[in-house]
PDB file of N, CA and C in Angstrom:
ATOM      1  N   MET A   1     119.416  92.620  61.013  1.00  0.00           N
ATOM      2  CA  MET A   1     119.509  93.834  61.777  1.00  0.00           C
ATOM      3  C   MET A   1     118.684  92.448  63.087  1.00  0.00           C
ATOM      4  N   ALA A   2     119.630  92.506  64.365  1.00  0.00           N
ATOM      5  CA  ALA A   2     118.884  92.068  65.459  1.00  0.00           C
ATOM      6  C   ALA A   2     117.506  93.303  66.453  1.00  0.00           C
ATOM      7  N   GLU A   3     116.453  92.453  66.920  1.00  0.00           N
ATOM      8  CA  GLU A   3     115.586  93.253  67.205  1.00  0.00           C
ATOM      9  C   GLU A   3     116.130  93.761  69.260  1.00  0.00           C
ATOM     10  N   ALA A   4     116.236  94.782  69.323  1.00  0.00           N
ATOM     11  CA  ALA A   4     116.442  95.288  70.313  1.00  0.00           C
ATOM     12  C   ALA A   4     115.709  94.348  71.623  1.00  0.00           C
ATOM     13  N   VAL A   5     116.046  94.558  73.123  1.00  0.00           N
ATOM     14  CA  VAL A   5     115.883  93.129  74.102  1.00  0.00           C
ATOM     15  C   VAL A   5     115.162  94.826  74.346  1.00  0.00           C
ATOM     16  N   LEU A   6     113.284  94.039  74.650  1.00  0.00           N
ATOM     17  CA  LEU A   6     112.429  94.982  75.609  1.00  0.00           C
ATOM     18  C   LEU A   6     113.158  94.759  77.204  1.00  0.00           C
ATOM     19  N   ASP A   7     112.810  96.439  77.712  1.00  0.00           N
ATOM     20  CA  ASP A   7     112.923  95.070  79.672  1.00  0.00           C
ATOM     21  C   ASP A   7     111.162  95.410  79.566  1.00  0.00           C
ATOM     22  N   GLU A   8     110.809  95.307  81.475  1.00  0.00           N
ATOM     23  CA  GLU A   8     109.927  95.125  81.032  1.00  0.00           C
ATOM     24  C   GLU A   8     108.453  96.183  81.164  1.00  0.00           C
ATOM     25  N   TRP A   9     109.650  97.383  81.634  1.00  0.00           N
ATOM     26  CA  TRP A   9     108.953  98.713  81.220  1.00  0.00           C
ATOM     27  C   TRP A   9     108.080  98.964  79.814  1.00  0.00           C
ATOM     28  N   GLU A  10     108.878  98.494  79.180  1.00  0.00           N
ATOM     29  CA  GLU A  10     108.953  98.849  77.353  1.00  0.00           C
ATOM     30  C   GLU A  10     107.169  98.095  77.087  1.00  0.00           C
ATOM     31  N   ILE A  11     107.760  96.781  77.328  1.00  0.00           N
ATOM     32  CA  ILE A  11     106.671  95.025  77.109  1.00  0.00           C
ATOM     33  C   ILE A  11     105.137  95.959  77.203  1.00  0.00           C
ATOM     34  N   ALA A  12     105.357  96.988  78.993  1.00  0.00           N
ATOM     35  CA  ALA A  12     103.812  96.924  79.128  1.00  0.00           C
ATOM     36  C   ALA A  12     103.572  98.350  78.171  1.00  0.00           C
ATOM     37  N   LEU A  13     104.533  99.352  78.227  1.00  0.00           N
ATOM     38  CA  LEU A  13     104.027 100.166  77.177  1.00  0.00           C
ATOM     39  C   LEU A  13     103.492  99.520  76.420  1.00  0.00           C
ATOM     40  N   ARG A  14     104.080  99.153  75.638  1.00  0.00           N
ATOM     41  CA  ARG A  14     103.336  98.647  74.163  1.00  0.00           C
ATOM     42  C   ARG A  14     102.259  97.398  74.432  1.00  0.00           C
ATOM     43  N   VAL A  15     101.533  97.171  75.309  1.00  0.00           N
ATOM     44  CA  VAL A  15     100.331  96.466  75.636  1.00  0.00           C
ATOM     45  C   VAL A  15      99.666  97.348  75.483  1.00  0.00           C
ATOM     46  N   LYS A  16     100.319  98.302  76.952  1.00  0.00           N
ATOM     47  CA  LYS A  16      98.853  99.935  76.686  1.00  0.00           C
ATOM     48  C   LYS A  16      98.682 100.245  75.484  1.00  0.00           C
ATOM     49  N   THR A  17     100.031 101.166  74.886  1.00  0.00           N
ATOM     50  CA  THR A  17      99.706 101.321  73.568  1.00  0.00           C
ATOM     51  C   THR A  17      98.899 100.906  72.433  1.00  0.00           C
ATOM     52  N   GLU A  18      98.743  99.300  72.727  1.00  0.00           N
ATOM     53  CA  GLU A  18      98.225  98.629  71.220  1.00  0.00           C
ATOM     54  C   GLU A  18      96.374  98.920  72.750  1.00  0.00           C
ATOM     55  N   GLU A  19      96.303  99.037  73.806  1.00  0.00           N
ATOM     56  CA  GLU A  19      95.328  98.946  74.414  1.00  0.00           C
ATOM     57  C   GLU A  19      94.566  99.733  74.397  1.00  0.00           C
ATOM     58  N   LEU A  20      95.017 101.051  74.094  1.00  0.00           N
ATOM     59  CA  LEU A  20      94.717 102.560  73.764  1.00  0.00           C
ATOM     60  C   LEU A  20      94.292 102.744  72.131  1.00  0.00           C
ATOM     61  N   LYS A  21      95.219 101.985  71.408  1.00  0.00           N
ATOM     62  CA  LYS A  21      94.853 101.827  70.039  1.00  0.00           C
ATOM     63  C   LYS A  21      93.734 101.374  69.455  1.00  0.00           C
ATOM     64  N   LYS A  22      93.672  99.856  70.012  1.00  0.00           N
ATOM     65  CA  LYS A  22      92.321  99.797  69.999  1.00  0.00           C
ATOM     66  C   LYS A  22      90.458 100.544  70.688  1.00  0.00           C
ATOM     67  N   CYS A  23      91.141 101.230  71.737  1.00  0.00           N
ATOM     68  CA  CYS A  23      90.421 101.644  72.191  1.00  0.00           C
ATOM     69  C   CYS A  23      89.022 102.572  71.176  1.00  0.00           C
ATOM     70  N   GLN A  24      90.601 103.077  70.584  1.00  0.00           N
ATOM     71  CA  GLN A  24      90.180 104.548  69.438  1.00  0.00           C
ATOM     72  C   GLN A  24      89.760 104.276  68.482  1.00  0.00           C
ATOM     73  N   GLN A  25      90.017 103.293  67.587  1.00  0.00           N
ATOM     74  CA  GLN A  25      89.301 102.358  66.815  1.00  0.00           C
ATOM     75  C   GLN A  25      88.366 102.170  66.985  1.00  0.00           C
ATOM     76  N   GLU A  26      87.761 101.515  67.931  1.00  0.00           N
ATOM     77  CA  GLU A  26      86.397 101.107  68.534  1.00  0.00           C
ATOM     78  C   GLU A  26      85.687 102.552  68.767  1.00  0.00           C
ATOM     79  N   LYS A  27      85.589 103.693  68.750  1.00  0.00           N
ATOM     80  CA  LYS A  27      85.496 104.558  69.317  1.00  0.00           C
ATOM     81  C   LYS A  27      85.777 105.636  67.970  1.00  0.00           C
ATOM     82  N   ASN A  28      85.679 104.611  67.308  1.00  0.00           N
ATOM     83  CA  ASN A  28      85.998 105.935  65.678  1.00  0.00           C
ATOM     84  C   ASN A  28      86.681 107.188  66.098  1.00  0.00           C
ATOM     85  N   VAL A  29      87.847 107.020  67.098  1.00  0.00           N
ATOM     86  CA  VAL A  29      88.750 108.321  67.371  1.00  0.00           C
ATOM     87  C   VAL A  29      90.075 108.661  66.774  1.00  0.00           C
ATOM     88  N   THR A  30      90.483 109.610  66.408  1.00  0.00           N
ATOM     89  CA  THR A  30      91.918 109.592  66.142  1.00  0.00           C
ATOM     90  C   THR A  30      93.042 109.449  67.160  1.00  0.00           C
ATOM     91  N   SER A  31      92.835 110.554  68.051  1.00  0.00           N
ATOM     92  CA  SER A  31      92.789 111.078  69.572  1.00  0.00           C
ATOM     93  C   SER A  31      92.252 110.790  70.844  1.00  0.00           C
ATOM     94  N   CYS A  32      92.556 110.632  71.659  1.00  0.00           N
ATOM     95  CA  CYS A  32      91.888 110.941  73.265  1.00  0.00           C
ATOM     96  C   CYS A  32      91.042 111.872  73.218  1.00  0.00           C
ATOM     97  N   THR A  33      91.531 113.138  73.031  1.00  0.00           N
ATOM     98  CA  THR A  33      91.044 114.582  73.007  1.00  0.00           C
ATOM     99  C   THR A  33      89.856 114.288  72.293  1.00  0.00           C
ATOM    100  N   GLN A  34      89.770 113.490  71.110  1.00  0.00           N
ATOM    101  CA  GLN A  34      88.183 113.830  70.585  1.00  0.00           C
ATOM    102  C   GLN A  34      87.839 112.863  71.302  1.00  0.00           C
ATOM    103  N   CYS A  35      87.786 112.456  72.472  1.00  0.00           N
ATOM    104  CA  CYS A  35      86.512 111.252  73.249  1.00  0.00           C
ATOM    105  C   CYS A  35      86.117 111.954  74.878  1.00  0.00           C
ATOM    106  N   GLU A  36      84.964 112.228  74.476  1.00  0.00           N
ATOM    107  CA  GLU A  36      83.833 112.454  76.024  1.00  0.00           C
ATOM    108  C   GLU A  36      84.123 112.181  77.157  1.00  0.00           C
ATOM    109  N   LYS A  37      84.971 110.975  77.304  1.00  0.00           N
ATOM    110  CA  LYS A  37      85.765 110.209  78.812  1.00  0.00           C
ATOM    111  C   LYS A  37      87.001 110.378  78.857  1.00  0.00           C
ATOM    112  N   LEU A  38      87.803 111.483  78.188  1.00  0.00           N
ATOM    113  CA  LEU A  38      89.032 111.760  78.288  1.00  0.00           C
ATOM    114  C   LEU A  38      89.747 111.714  80.155  1.00  0.00           C
ATOM    115  N   LEU A  39      88.555 112.758  80.457  1.00  0.00           N
ATOM    116  CA  LEU A  39      88.802 113.600  82.057  1.00  0.00           C
ATOM    117  C   LEU A  39      88.772 112.069  82.520  1.00  0.00           C
ATOM    118  N   LEU A  40      88.130 111.079  82.985  1.00  0.00           N
ATOM    119  CA  LEU A  40      87.706 109.910  83.694  1.00  0.00           C
ATOM    120  C   LEU A  40      88.444 108.356  83.139  1.00  0.00           C
ATOM    121  N   CYS A  41      89.012 108.303  81.992  1.00  0.00           N
ATOM    122  CA  CYS A  41      89.096 107.175  81.500  1.00  0.00           C
ATOM    123  C   CYS A  41      90.599 106.292  81.709  1.00  0.00           C
ATOM    124  N   GLU A  42      90.354 105.601  82.758  1.00  0.00           N
ATOM    125  CA  GLU A  42      91.388 104.566  83.330  1.00  0.00           C
ATOM    126  C   GLU A  42      91.908 103.903  82.057  1.00  0.00           C
ATOM    127  N   LEU A  43      91.577 103.272  81.586  1.00  0.00           N
ATOM    128  CA  LEU A  43      92.415 103.485  80.028  1.00  0.00           C
ATOM    129  C   LEU A  43      93.664 104.027  80.026  1.00  0.00           C
ATOM    130  N   ARG A  44      93.637 105.424  79.665  1.00  0.00           N
ATOM    131  CA  ARG A  44      93.666 106.522  79.124  1.00  0.00           C
ATOM    132  C   ARG A  44      94.749 106.743  80.624  1.00  0.00           C
ATOM    133  N   ASP A  45      94.592 106.625  81.716  1.00  0.00           N
ATOM    134  CA  ASP A  45      95.797 107.071  82.856  1.00  0.00           C
ATOM    135  C   ASP A  45      96.415 105.546  83.042  1.00  0.00           C
ATOM    136  N   ALA A  46      96.011 104.444  82.940  1.00  0.00           N
ATOM    137  CA  ALA A  46      97.099 103.383  82.701  1.00  0.00           C
ATOM    138  C   ALA A  46      98.419 103.811  81.445  1.00  0.00           C
ATOM    139  N   TYR A  47      98.006 104.393  80.779  1.00  0.00           N
ATOM    140  CA  TYR A  47      98.909 104.378  79.576  1.00  0.00           C
ATOM    141  C   TYR A  47      99.916 105.333  79.755  1.00  0.00           C
ATOM    142  N   VAL A  48      99.403 106.164  80.477  1.00  0.00           N
ATOM    143  CA  VAL A  48     100.284 108.182  80.797  1.00  0.00           C
ATOM    144  C   VAL A  48     100.871 107.058  82.282  1.00  0.00           C
ATOM    145  N   LYS A  49     100.453 106.146  82.683  1.00  0.00           N
ATOM    146  CA  LYS A  49     101.873 105.977  83.898  1.00  0.00           C
ATOM    147  C   LYS A  49     102.536 104.702  83.095  1.00  0.00           C
ATOM    148  N   ALA A  50     102.249 103.799  82.353  1.00  0.00           N
ATOM    149  CA  ALA A  50     103.366 103.064  81.173  1.00  0.00           C
ATOM    150  C   ALA A  50     104.111 104.066  80.792  1.00  0.00           C
ATOM    151  N   VAL A  51     103.892 105.380  80.348  1.00  0.00           N
ATOM    152  CA  VAL A  51     105.157 105.849  79.268  1.00  0.00           C
ATOM    153  C   VAL A  51     105.759 106.383  80.608  1.00  0.00           C
ATOM    154  N   TYR A  52     105.418 106.975  81.694  1.00  0.00           N
ATOM    155  CA  TYR A  52     106.396 107.266  82.762  1.00  0.00           C
ATOM    156  C   TYR A  52     106.962 106.136  83.588  1.00  0.00           C
ATOM    157  N   ASP A  53     106.550 105.143  83.181  1.00  0.00           N
ATOM    158  CA  ASP A  53     107.551 104.189  83.880  1.00  0.00           C
ATOM    159  C   ASP A  53     108.680 103.550  83.237  1.00  0.00           C
ATOM    160  N   SER A  54     108.099 103.718  81.480  1.00  0.00           N
ATOM    161  CA  SER A  54     109.167 103.169  80.481  1.00  0.00           C
ATOM    162  C   SER A  54     110.303 104.240  80.670  1.00  0.00           C
ATOM    163  N   MET A  55     109.617 105.421  80.953  1.00  0.00           N
ATOM    164  CA  MET A  55     111.366 106.646  81.270  1.00  0.00           C
ATOM    165  C   MET A  55     111.961 106.467  82.395  1.00  0.00           C
ATOM    166  N   ASN A  56     111.261 106.357  83.157  1.00  0.00           N
ATOM    167  CA  ASN A  56     112.412 106.220  84.539  1.00  0.00           C
ATOM    168  C   ASN A  56     112.541 105.052  85.123  1.00  0.00           C
ATOM    169  N   LYS A  57     112.092 103.985  83.946  1.00  0.00           N
ATOM    170  CA  LYS A  57     112.567 102.391  84.664  1.00  0.00           C
ATOM    171  C   LYS A  57     111.903 101.802  86.407  1.00  0.00           C
ATOM    172  N   GLY A  58     110.860 102.249  86.141  1.00  0.00           N
ATOM    173  CA  GLY A  58     110.704 102.319  87.488  1.00  0.00           C
ATOM    174  C   GLY A  58     110.891 102.732  88.850  1.00  0.00           C
ATOM    175  N   THR A  59     112.113 103.923  88.322  1.00  0.00           N
ATOM    176  CA  THR A  59     112.373 104.616  89.623  1.00  0.00           C
ATOM    177  C   THR A  59     111.863 105.467  90.350  1.00  0.00           C
ATOM    178  N   GLY A  60     110.355 105.212  90.364  1.00  0.00           N
ATOM    179  CA  GLY A  60     109.855 106.428  90.777  1.00  0.00           C
ATOM    180  C   GLY A  60     109.733 108.652  90.542  1.00  0.00           C
ATOM    181  N   GLY A  61     109.678 108.831  91.229  1.00  0.00           N
ATOM    182  CA  GLY A  61     109.489 110.409  91.042  1.00  0.00           C
ATOM    183  C   GLY A  61     107.928 110.686  90.681  1.00  0.00           C
ATOM    184  N   GLY A  62     108.179 111.896  90.436  1.00  0.00           N
ATOM    185  CA  GLY A  62     107.105 112.529  89.909  1.00  0.00           C
ATOM    186  C   GLY A  62     107.539 113.405  88.854  1.00  0.00           C
ATOM    187  N   PHE A  63     106.252 113.823  87.735  1.00  0.00           N
ATOM    188  CA  PHE A  63     106.811 114.464  86.762  1.00  0.00           C
ATOM    189  C   PHE A  63     106.502 115.345  87.053  1.00  0.00           C
ATOM    190  N   GLU A  64     107.794 116.558  86.208  1.00  0.00           N
ATOM    191  CA  GLU A  64     108.531 117.924  86.377  1.00  0.00           C
ATOM    192  C   GLU A  64     109.099 118.044  85.588  1.00  0.00           C
ATOM    193  N   PHE A  65     107.913 119.208  84.733  1.00  0.00           N
ATOM    194  CA  PHE A  65     108.595 119.908  83.376  1.00  0.00           C
ATOM    195  C   PHE A  65     108.943 121.277  84.052  1.00  0.00           C
TER     196      PHE A  65
END
C-alpha cells in the first residue's frame, strides 16, 4: 500500500503534533488541559494554528462553529 503524499500543511501539523506530545511527556501529562501553562502556551497555540491551517490549506478565514 502506497503512503499518501503530504502537503506542506500536513507536514507542519505532524511536526507540531510531535512537539506537543514531547512537551506533554516531559511534563508527565496526557493532555494540555492538565498543564498549568495551558492558556499562555505558545507551543499549544502553534499546534492549534497548524491544525487549522491543515484544514483550510492556507486559505485563511476564521474559526466558525
